[in-house]
Amino acid sequence: MSRVLVGVKRVIDYAVKIRVKPDKSGVVTDGVKHSMNPFDEIAVEEAVRMKEKKLASEVIAVSCGPAQSQETLRTALAMGADRAIHVEISGPEYETLQPLHVAKILAKLSQDEKADLIIVGKQAIDDDSNQTAQMTAALLDWPQGTFASKIEKSDAGLTVTREIDGGLETVKTKMPAVISADLRLNEPRYATLPNIMKAKKKPMKKVSAKDLGVDLAARIKVISVEDPPVRQAGSIIPDVDTLVAKLKEGGHI
């Protein structure tokens, strides 16, 4: 049976209206509701289901971020993860944390914990990078099954159904491997009150990026973050001739 490492990220809740900071250096996070990245919830659910099917021996949740990330890890524990690892990163280092840094951390932890499988959400809803799984697989030189909508155990490893632009693609990977969860992989369970209480007693280890030998120096500089342009109001036109004239005025034809 495999040991599964699951990456979970604390993000601004999907229902919150995003506001850009006045200096355009990022988005407002203070006093804003946060929750687990929805795609990471799917990753946790899949790992827990694998354990329930006796395909995994242990599920370890990992999160990189400030102290509040422990709340996200407790949610993962309440969903069924066995233990958690909090890689504490705060202040300026957290503001410039990038997928490459997280991939290096996951790669190192997978080696330390002797994990056979890493599952992460395909992307986070805050930065939409969609890079961590691919980079982690490259750093470890492990096979990868990204955008997974179905995962099945096979004799040699895993059979992964991937969601691609043209439809579905099925790939077979050997173990160990890296998987990224797509929206249709499963429906995550709600954490029940008894499990939330039990989660408080489950072990959570705290480490730093320095402990893991990972340099958090920024590779990319964010120049500006801006709101999308305001959509112009529509108008009702009386006939086709007026429509053609309007399109010509706007330079569309």
Protein backbone atom coordinates (compact mmCIF):
# COMPACT_ATOMS: atom_id res chain seq x y z
CA MET A 1 0.00 0.00 0.00
CA SER A 2 1.14 3.54 -0.71
CA ARG A 3 1.69 6.58 1.47
CA VAL A 4 -0.03 9.61 -0.04
CA LEU A 5 1.11 13.21 0.32
CA VAL A 6 -1.63 15.78 -0.39
CA GLY A 7 -0.94 19.46 -0.95
CA VAL A 8 -3.54 21.92 0.37
CA LYS A 9 -3.51 25.69 -0.01
CA ARG A 10 -5.26 28.40 2.00
CA VAL A 11 -6.92 30.81 -0.44
CA ILE A 12 -9.49 33.58 -0.35
CA ASP A 13 -12.90 31.91 -0.25
CA TYR A 14 -14.47 31.43 -3.69
CA ALA A 15 -17.60 33.39 -2.66
CA VAL A 16 -15.66 36.53 -1.67
CA LYS A 17 -15.50 39.50 -4.04
CA ILE A 18 -11.83 40.20 -4.71
CA ARG A 19 -10.53 43.74 -4.14
CA VAL A 20 -7.25 45.04 -5.52
CA LYS A 21 -4.98 46.98 -3.17
CA PRO A 22 -4.78 50.74 -3.88
CA ASP A 23 -1.06 50.45 -4.72
CA LYS A 24 -1.84 47.58 -7.18
CA SER A 25 0.73 45.34 -5.48
CA GLY A 26 -1.78 42.53 -4.95
CA VAL A 27 -5.25 41.84 -3.57
CA VAL A 28 -6.66 42.67 -0.14
CA THR A 29 -6.36 39.66 2.21
CA ASP A 30 -6.67 41.23 5.66
CA GLY A 31 -10.04 40.59 7.26
CA VAL A 32 -11.13 38.47 4.30
CA LYS A 33 -12.59 34.97 4.65
CA HIS A 34 -10.23 32.20 3.59
CA SER A 35 -10.80 28.49 3.00
CA MET A 36 -9.16 25.47 1.41
CA ASN A 37 -8.60 25.69 -2.33
CA PRO A 38 -11.56 23.78 -3.90
CA PHE A 39 -9.33 21.66 -6.14
CA ASP A 40 -7.27 20.67 -3.09
CA GLU A 41 -10.46 19.54 -1.35
CA ILE A 42 -10.95 17.15 -4.27
CA ALA A 43 -7.33 15.96 -3.89
CA VAL A 44 -7.85 15.26 -0.17
CA GLU A 45 -11.11 13.43 -0.87
CA GLU A 46 -9.44 11.19 -3.45
CA ALA A 47 -6.57 10.35 -1.10
CA VAL A 48 -8.99 9.49 1.71
CA ARG A 49 -11.04 7.30 -0.64
CA MET A 50 -7.87 5.46 -1.62
CA LYS A 51 -7.21 4.75 2.04
CA GLU A 52 -10.78 3.56 2.54
CA LYS A 53 -10.28 1.14 -0.39
CA LYS A 54 -7.05 -0.13 1.25
CA LEU A 55 -5.00 1.31 -1.62
CA ALA A 56 -3.16 3.72 0.71
CA SER A 57 -1.76 3.14 4.16
CA GLU A 58 -1.54 6.78 5.25
CA VAL A 59 -2.63 10.23 4.06
CA ILE A 60 -0.41 13.20 4.96
CA ALA A 61 -1.69 16.74 4.32
CA VAL A 62 0.87 19.49 3.63
CA SER A 63 0.37 23.25 3.51
CA CYS A 64 2.85 26.09 2.98
CA GLY A 65 1.90 29.44 4.49
CA PRO A 66 1.37 31.51 7.62
CA ALA A 67 0.03 30.26 10.96
CA GLN A 68 -3.55 30.46 9.64
CA SER A 69 -2.72 27.63 7.23
CA GLN A 70 -3.09 25.30 10.19
CA GLU A 71 -6.85 25.86 9.97
CA THR A 72 -6.76 24.53 6.40
CA LEU A 73 -4.75 21.52 7.55
CA ARG A 74 -7.27 20.84 10.33
CA THR A 75 -9.99 20.76 7.67
CA ALA A 76 -7.98 18.17 5.73
CA LEU A 77 -7.55 16.14 8.94
CA ALA A 78 -11.28 16.36 9.61
CA MET A 79 -11.94 15.05 6.09
CA GLY A 80 -9.85 11.97 6.87
CA ALA A 81 -6.13 12.74 6.54
CA ASP A 82 -4.03 10.99 9.21
CA ARG A 83 -1.52 13.71 10.00
CA ALA A 84 -0.35 17.09 8.76
CA ILE A 85 2.82 19.01 8.03
CA HIS A 86 2.78 22.80 8.20
CA VAL A 87 5.64 24.48 6.34
CA GLU A 88 5.52 27.88 8.01
CA ILE A 89 6.14 30.75 5.58
CA SER A 90 5.03 34.28 6.40
CA GLY A 91 5.64 37.93 5.65
CA PRO A 92 7.41 38.98 2.45
CA GLU A 93 8.49 35.39 1.72
CA TYR A 94 4.87 34.24 1.62
CA GLU A 95 3.85 37.16 -0.60
CA THR A 96 6.44 36.09 -3.20
CA LEU A 97 5.96 32.32 -2.75
CA GLN A 98 5.76 30.70 -6.17
CA PRO A 99 4.87 27.23 -7.54
CA LEU A 100 8.55 26.32 -7.94
CA HIS A 101 9.14 26.87 -4.22
CA VAL A 102 6.14 24.74 -3.29
CA ALA A 103 7.20 22.02 -5.74
CA LYS A 104 10.67 21.87 -4.16
CA ILE A 105 9.10 21.62 -0.70
CA LEU A 106 6.72 18.83 -1.77
CA ALA A 107 9.56 16.98 -3.49
CA LYS A 108 11.74 17.10 -0.38
CA LEU A 109 8.90 16.10 1.96
CA SER A 110 7.93 13.19 -0.30
CA GLN A 111 11.47 11.86 0.04
CA ASP A 112 11.60 12.44 3.80
CA GLU A 113 8.20 10.79 4.33
CA LYS A 114 8.86 8.03 1.78
CA ALA A 115 5.63 8.86 -0.06
CA ASP A 116 4.62 6.82 -3.11
CA LEU A 117 2.02 9.26 -4.41
CA ILE A 118 1.54 13.02 -4.39
CA ILE A 119 -1.91 14.45 -5.12
CA VAL A 120 -2.58 18.18 -5.47
CA GLY A 121 -5.36 20.28 -6.95
CA LYS A 122 -4.75 21.10 -10.62
CA GLN A 123 -4.53 24.80 -9.74
CA ALA A 124 -5.28 27.29 -6.98
CA ILE A 125 -8.19 29.67 -7.50
CA ASP A 126 -6.12 32.68 -6.40
CA ASP A 127 -3.18 32.62 -8.81
CA ASP A 128 -4.44 29.98 -11.32
CA SER A 129 -0.84 28.95 -11.99
CA ASN A 130 -1.45 25.23 -12.69
CA GLN A 131 2.28 24.48 -12.30
CA THR A 132 2.96 22.79 -8.96
CA ALA A 133 2.15 19.19 -9.94
CA GLN A 134 4.15 19.36 -13.15
CA MET A 135 7.17 20.95 -11.47
CA THR A 136 7.09 18.47 -8.58
CA ALA A 137 7.04 15.54 -11.00
CA ALA A 138 9.96 17.03 -12.92
CA LEU A 139 12.05 17.61 -9.78
CA LEU A 140 11.48 14.03 -8.60
CA ASP A 141 11.64 12.53 -12.10
CA TRP A 142 8.31 10.80 -11.39
CA PRO A 143 5.53 10.14 -13.94
CA GLN A 144 2.56 12.50 -13.76
CA GLY A 145 -1.17 12.33 -14.42
CA THR A 146 -2.52 15.88 -14.54
CA PHE A 147 -6.15 17.10 -14.79
CA ALA A 148 -7.35 13.73 -13.47
CA SER A 149 -11.10 13.04 -13.61
CA LYS A 150 -10.71 9.35 -12.71
CA ILE A 151 -7.98 7.35 -10.97
CA GLU A 152 -7.89 3.55 -10.92
CA LYS A 153 -5.32 1.17 -9.45
CA SER A 154 -3.70 -1.14 -11.96
CA ASP A 155 -1.10 -3.87 -11.56
CA ALA A 156 1.83 -1.69 -12.62
CA GLY A 157 0.62 1.54 -11.01
CA LEU A 158 -2.29 3.83 -11.83
CA THR A 159 -4.64 4.36 -14.76
CA VAL A 160 -5.56 8.03 -14.96
CA THR A 161 -8.32 9.56 -17.09
CA ARG A 162 -7.34 13.13 -17.96
CA GLU A 163 -9.57 16.01 -19.02
CA ILE A 164 -8.08 17.65 -22.11
CA ASP A 165 -9.38 20.19 -24.64
CA GLY A 166 -10.37 17.50 -27.12
CA GLY A 167 -12.18 15.28 -24.60
CA LEU A 168 -10.66 12.59 -22.38
CA GLU A 169 -7.24 10.95 -22.46
CA THR A 170 -6.31 7.80 -20.54
CA VAL A 171 -2.72 7.31 -19.39
CA LYS A 172 -1.02 4.62 -17.32
CA THR A 173 1.66 5.61 -14.83
CA LYS A 174 4.02 3.59 -12.70
CA MET A 175 4.46 4.36 -9.01
CA PRO A 176 5.65 6.60 -7.43
CA ALA A 177 3.72 9.32 -9.27
CA VAL A 178 2.27 12.82 -9.09
CA ILE A 179 -1.44 13.44 -9.75
CA SER A 180 -3.34 16.73 -10.09
CA ALA A 181 -7.08 16.64 -9.42
CA ASP A 182 -9.64 18.11 -11.82
CA LEU A 183 -13.15 19.24 -10.95
CA ARG A 184 -14.96 16.02 -11.93
CA LEU A 185 -12.68 13.61 -10.05
CA ASN A 186 -15.09 13.41 -7.09
CA GLU A 187 -17.47 15.28 -4.80
CA PRO A 188 -15.63 16.17 -1.56
CA ARG A 189 -17.31 15.18 1.69
CA TYR A 190 -18.27 17.65 4.39
CA ALA A 191 -16.29 17.38 7.60
CA THR A 192 -18.68 16.22 10.34
CA LEU A 193 -18.58 17.70 13.84
CA PRO A 194 -17.21 14.49 15.44
CA ASN A 195 -14.43 14.37 12.84
CA ILE A 196 -13.66 18.08 13.36
CA MET A 197 -13.21 17.34 17.07
CA LYS A 198 -11.03 14.30 16.33
CA ALA A 199 -8.91 16.39 13.96
CA LYS A 200 -7.80 18.58 16.85
CA LYS A 201 -5.99 15.58 18.35
CA LYS A 202 -4.31 14.41 15.16
CA PRO A 203 -0.56 15.16 14.87
CA MET A 204 0.63 18.27 13.04
CA LYS A 205 4.34 18.84 12.52
CA LYS A 206 5.73 22.31 11.91
CA VAL A 207 8.84 22.83 9.77
CA SER A 208 10.40 25.70 7.86
CA ALA A 209 11.59 25.90 4.28
CA LYS A 210 15.11 26.35 5.65
CA ASP A 211 14.80 23.03 7.50
CA LEU A 212 14.05 21.42 4.14
CA GLY A 213 16.92 23.21 2.39
CA VAL A 214 14.62 25.18 0.08
CA ASP A 215 15.59 28.72 -0.95
CA LEU A 216 12.52 30.98 -1.11
CA ALA A 217 14.14 33.80 -3.09
CA ALA A 218 11.60 35.12 -5.62
CA ARG A 219 12.17 34.19 -9.27
CA ILE A 220 9.35 36.37 -10.55
CA LYS A 221 8.42 39.97 -9.71
CA VAL A 222 4.78 41.05 -9.87
CA ILE A 223 4.72 44.46 -11.55
CA SER A 224 1.04 45.28 -11.15
CA VAL A 225 -2.31 43.71 -10.25
CA GLU A 226 -5.37 45.39 -11.74
CA ASP A 227 -9.12 44.90 -11.88
CA PRO A 228 -10.51 43.62 -15.20
CA PRO A 229 -11.89 46.41 -17.39
CA VAL A 230 -15.48 47.43 -16.69
CA ARG A 231 -17.84 46.04 -19.29
CA GLN A 232 -19.65 48.71 -21.29
CA ALA A 233 -23.43 48.83 -21.18
CA GLY A 234 -25.30 47.22 -24.09
CA SER A 235 -27.73 48.99 -26.36
CA ILE A 236 -30.81 48.06 -28.37
CA ILE A 237 -30.74 48.90 -32.07
CA PRO A 238 -33.76 49.15 -34.40
CA ASP A 239 -32.51 47.32 -37.51
CA VAL A 240 -29.63 45.58 -39.31
CA ASP A 241 -28.44 48.75 -41.07
CA THR A 242 -27.93 50.47 -37.73
CA LEU A 243 -26.06 47.38 -36.47
CA VAL A 244 -23.70 47.45 -39.47
CA ALA A 245 -23.12 51.19 -39.01
CA LYS A 246 -22.32 50.68 -35.31
CA LEU A 247 -19.89 47.88 -36.09
CA LYS A 248 -18.12 50.06 -38.66
CA GLU A 249 -17.87 52.92 -36.18
CA GLY A 250 -16.27 50.62 -33.65
CA GLY A 251 -13.79 49.32 -36.22
CA HIS A 252 -15.13 45.75 -35.94
CA ILE A 253 -15.78 45.38 -39.67
